[in-house]
Amino acid sequence: MDDHDVAPDLRAAAEPDTVTEAVAFLRNAGYTDDVALQGAELACARTESTHPLASVIVDHTFRFEGDSDPGDEAIVLGLRFPDANLRAVLVSAFGHDAEPETARFFRRLRNPA
């Protein structure tokens, strides 16, 4: 069975192989904005708003590891901010090459208290 024999909804459900595919998957799923870490908050340029980490829900996580270079490690998150009616994408390095702020962000997501 080739890709043309698969129903469109099943094709979309396939795990993305690249950062670009993960971002496209999230865009198609309605995650229309981009956010960036700004201190202890996430900032959305389009809405010129910031959101505390406690307000974010992580709906999707895609992790990519470089085949030969640990510097190629990246993570793509599909984030939802219910209080702001906002769904957004965060793309970030992780692992050894991640900024300290990024490492703190991921620790807060794992341990919100």
C-alpha atoms as a PDB file:
ATOM      1  CA  MET A   1       0.000   0.000   0.000  1.00  0.00           C
ATOM      2  CA  ASP A   2       1.501   3.341  -0.950  1.00  0.00           C
ATOM      3  CA  ASP A   3       0.766   6.757   0.571  1.00  0.00           C
ATOM      4  CA  HIS A   4      -2.011   7.441  -1.956  1.00  0.00           C
ATOM      5  CA  ASP A   5      -3.987   4.457  -0.626  1.00  0.00           C
ATOM      6  CA  VAL A   6      -4.067   5.850   2.913  1.00  0.00           C
ATOM      7  CA  ALA A   7      -7.020   7.943   3.998  1.00  0.00           C
ATOM      8  CA  PRO A   8      -6.074  11.642   4.403  1.00  0.00           C
ATOM      9  CA  ASP A   9      -6.829  11.606   8.135  1.00  0.00           C
ATOM     10  CA  LEU A  10      -4.469   8.636   8.652  1.00  0.00           C
ATOM     11  CA  ARG A  11      -1.728  10.250   6.591  1.00  0.00           C
ATOM     12  CA  ALA A  12      -1.932  13.352   8.801  1.00  0.00           C
ATOM     13  CA  ALA A  13      -1.621  11.170  11.900  1.00  0.00           C
ATOM     14  CA  ALA A  14       1.785   9.807  10.840  1.00  0.00           C
ATOM     15  CA  GLU A  15       4.627  10.865  13.124  1.00  0.00           C
ATOM     16  CA  PRO A  16       6.579  13.771  11.563  1.00  0.00           C
ATOM     17  CA  ASP A  17      10.182  12.966  10.595  1.00  0.00           C
ATOM     18  CA  THR A  18      11.530  16.527  10.634  1.00  0.00           C
ATOM     19  CA  VAL A  19      11.058  19.785  12.517  1.00  0.00           C
ATOM     20  CA  THR A  20       9.464  21.294   9.400  1.00  0.00           C
ATOM     21  CA  GLU A  21       6.952  18.440   9.176  1.00  0.00           C
ATOM     22  CA  ALA A  22       6.119  18.769  12.887  1.00  0.00           C
ATOM     23  CA  VAL A  23       5.464  22.503  12.532  1.00  0.00           C
ATOM     24  CA  ALA A  24       3.307  21.860   9.445  1.00  0.00           C
ATOM     25  CA  PHE A  25       1.373  19.164  11.344  1.00  0.00           C
ATOM     26  CA  LEU A  26       0.666  21.602  14.171  1.00  0.00           C
ATOM     27  CA  ARG A  27      -0.286  24.434  11.800  1.00  0.00           C
ATOM     28  CA  ASN A  28      -2.784  22.117  10.109  1.00  0.00           C
ATOM     29  CA  ALA A  29      -4.154  21.208  13.552  1.00  0.00           C
ATOM     30  CA  GLY A  30      -4.848  24.877  14.366  1.00  0.00           C
ATOM     31  CA  TYR A  31      -1.704  25.914  16.237  1.00  0.00           C
ATOM     32  CA  THR A  32      -1.451  29.182  14.321  1.00  0.00           C
ATOM     33  CA  ASP A  33       0.812  31.320  16.498  1.00  0.00           C
ATOM     34  CA  ASP A  34       4.440  31.123  17.524  1.00  0.00           C
ATOM     35  CA  VAL A  35       5.670  31.654  21.054  1.00  0.00           C
ATOM     36  CA  ALA A  36       9.142  32.144  22.471  1.00  0.00           C
ATOM     37  CA  LEU A  37      10.596  31.895  25.930  1.00  0.00           C
ATOM     38  CA  GLN A  38      10.919  35.240  27.624  1.00  0.00           C
ATOM     39  CA  GLY A  39      12.180  34.814  31.155  1.00  0.00           C
ATOM     40  CA  ALA A  40       9.648  32.726  33.087  1.00  0.00           C
ATOM     41  CA  GLU A  41       6.912  33.311  30.511  1.00  0.00           C
ATOM     42  CA  LEU A  42       6.024  32.516  26.935  1.00  0.00           C
ATOM     43  CA  ALA A  43       5.642  35.486  24.604  1.00  0.00           C
ATOM     44  CA  CYS A  44       3.439  35.636  21.506  1.00  0.00           C
ATOM     45  CA  ALA A  45       4.610  38.286  19.026  1.00  0.00           C
ATOM     46  CA  ARG A  46       1.338  38.446  17.075  1.00  0.00           C
ATOM     47  CA  THR A  47      -0.789  39.235  20.117  1.00  0.00           C
ATOM     48  CA  GLU A  48       2.019  41.082  21.928  1.00  0.00           C
ATOM     49  CA  SER A  49       1.121  39.086  25.021  1.00  0.00           C
ATOM     50  CA  THR A  50       3.007  37.030  27.581  1.00  0.00           C
ATOM     51  CA  HIS A  51       1.710  33.988  29.411  1.00  0.00           C
ATOM     52  CA  PRO A  52       2.942  32.371  32.635  1.00  0.00           C
ATOM     53  CA  LEU A  53       4.043  28.757  32.384  1.00  0.00           C
ATOM     54  CA  ALA A  54       1.232  27.768  34.734  1.00  0.00           C
ATOM     55  CA  SER A  55      -1.283  28.743  32.035  1.00  0.00           C
ATOM     56  CA  VAL A  56       0.095  26.465  29.301  1.00  0.00           C
ATOM     57  CA  ILE A  57      -1.107  22.993  28.360  1.00  0.00           C
ATOM     58  CA  VAL A  58       1.241  20.869  26.251  1.00  0.00           C
ATOM     59  CA  ASP A  59      -0.872  19.044  23.679  1.00  0.00           C
ATOM     60  CA  HIS A  60       1.875  17.739  21.375  1.00  0.00           C
ATOM     61  CA  THR A  61       5.577  17.046  21.792  1.00  0.00           C
ATOM     62  CA  PHE A  62       7.936  16.122  18.956  1.00  0.00           C
ATOM     63  CA  ARG A  63      11.586  15.481  19.756  1.00  0.00           C
ATOM     64  CA  PHE A  64      14.276  15.270  17.097  1.00  0.00           C
ATOM     65  CA  GLU A  65      17.808  14.036  17.658  1.00  0.00           C
ATOM     66  CA  GLY A  66      20.666  14.725  15.276  1.00  0.00           C
ATOM     67  CA  ASP A  67      22.026  11.573  13.651  1.00  0.00           C
ATOM     68  CA  SER A  68      25.645  12.605  14.048  1.00  0.00           C
ATOM     69  CA  ASP A  69      25.622  15.991  15.772  1.00  0.00           C
ATOM     70  CA  PRO A  70      24.099  16.474  19.231  1.00  0.00           C
ATOM     71  CA  GLY A  71      23.768  20.158  18.281  1.00  0.00           C
ATOM     72  CA  ASP A  72      20.963  19.147  15.928  1.00  0.00           C
ATOM     73  CA  GLU A  73      18.644  18.220  18.802  1.00  0.00           C
ATOM     74  CA  ALA A  74      15.335  20.095  18.706  1.00  0.00           C
ATOM     75  CA  ILE A  75      11.907  19.899  20.249  1.00  0.00           C
ATOM     76  CA  VAL A  76       8.626  21.137  18.786  1.00  0.00           C
ATOM     77  CA  LEU A  77       5.687  21.705  21.118  1.00  0.00           C
ATOM     78  CA  GLY A  78       2.024  22.298  20.373  1.00  0.00           C
ATOM     79  CA  LEU A  79       0.864  24.520  23.227  1.00  0.00           C
ATOM     80  CA  ARG A  80      -2.584  25.630  24.289  1.00  0.00           C
ATOM     81  CA  PHE A  81      -3.394  28.651  26.451  1.00  0.00           C
ATOM     82  CA  PRO A  82      -7.071  28.212  27.425  1.00  0.00           C
ATOM     83  CA  ASP A  83      -7.350  31.556  29.209  1.00  0.00           C
ATOM     84  CA  ALA A  84      -6.212  33.400  26.079  1.00  0.00           C
ATOM     85  CA  ASN A  85      -7.941  31.233  23.453  1.00  0.00           C
ATOM     86  CA  LEU A  86      -4.513  30.720  21.885  1.00  0.00           C
ATOM     87  CA  ARG A  87      -2.829  27.685  20.344  1.00  0.00           C
ATOM     88  CA  ALA A  88       0.817  28.077  19.454  1.00  0.00           C
ATOM     89  CA  VAL A  89       4.035  26.373  18.402  1.00  0.00           C
ATOM     90  CA  LEU A  90       7.333  26.507  20.260  1.00  0.00           C
ATOM     91  CA  VAL A  91      10.482  25.267  18.514  1.00  0.00           C
ATOM     92  CA  SER A  92      13.581  25.025  20.660  1.00  0.00           C
ATOM     93  CA  ALA A  93      16.958  23.383  20.949  1.00  0.00           C
ATOM     94  CA  PHE A  94      17.293  20.950  23.817  1.00  0.00           C
ATOM     95  CA  GLY A  95      19.976  18.879  25.432  1.00  0.00           C
ATOM     96  CA  HIS A  96      23.569  20.030  25.675  1.00  0.00           C
ATOM     97  CA  ASP A  97      23.155  23.029  23.342  1.00  0.00           C
ATOM     98  CA  ALA A  98      19.984  24.396  24.930  1.00  0.00           C
ATOM     99  CA  GLU A  99      20.097  27.786  26.565  1.00  0.00           C
ATOM    100  CA  PRO A 100      19.845  27.696  30.391  1.00  0.00           C
ATOM    101  CA  GLU A 101      16.449  29.427  30.150  1.00  0.00           C
ATOM    102  CA  THR A 102      15.198  26.606  27.920  1.00  0.00           C
ATOM    103  CA  ALA A 103      16.392  23.949  30.365  1.00  0.00           C
ATOM    104  CA  ARG A 104      14.571  25.732  33.215  1.00  0.00           C
ATOM    105  CA  PHE A 105      11.416  25.905  31.072  1.00  0.00           C
ATOM    106  CA  PHE A 106      11.394  22.152  30.476  1.00  0.00           C
ATOM    107  CA  ARG A 107      12.041  21.471  34.169  1.00  0.00           C
ATOM    108  CA  ARG A 108       9.030  23.677  35.028  1.00  0.00           C
ATOM    109  CA  LEU A 109       6.861  21.774  32.555  1.00  0.00           C
ATOM    110  CA  ARG A 110       7.819  18.490  34.207  1.00  0.00           C
ATOM    111  CA  ASN A 111       7.473  19.848  37.745  1.00  0.00           C
ATOM    112  CA  PRO A 112       5.003  22.760  37.702  1.00  0.00           C
ATOM    113  CA  ALA A 113       4.880  23.194  41.491  1.00  0.00           C
END
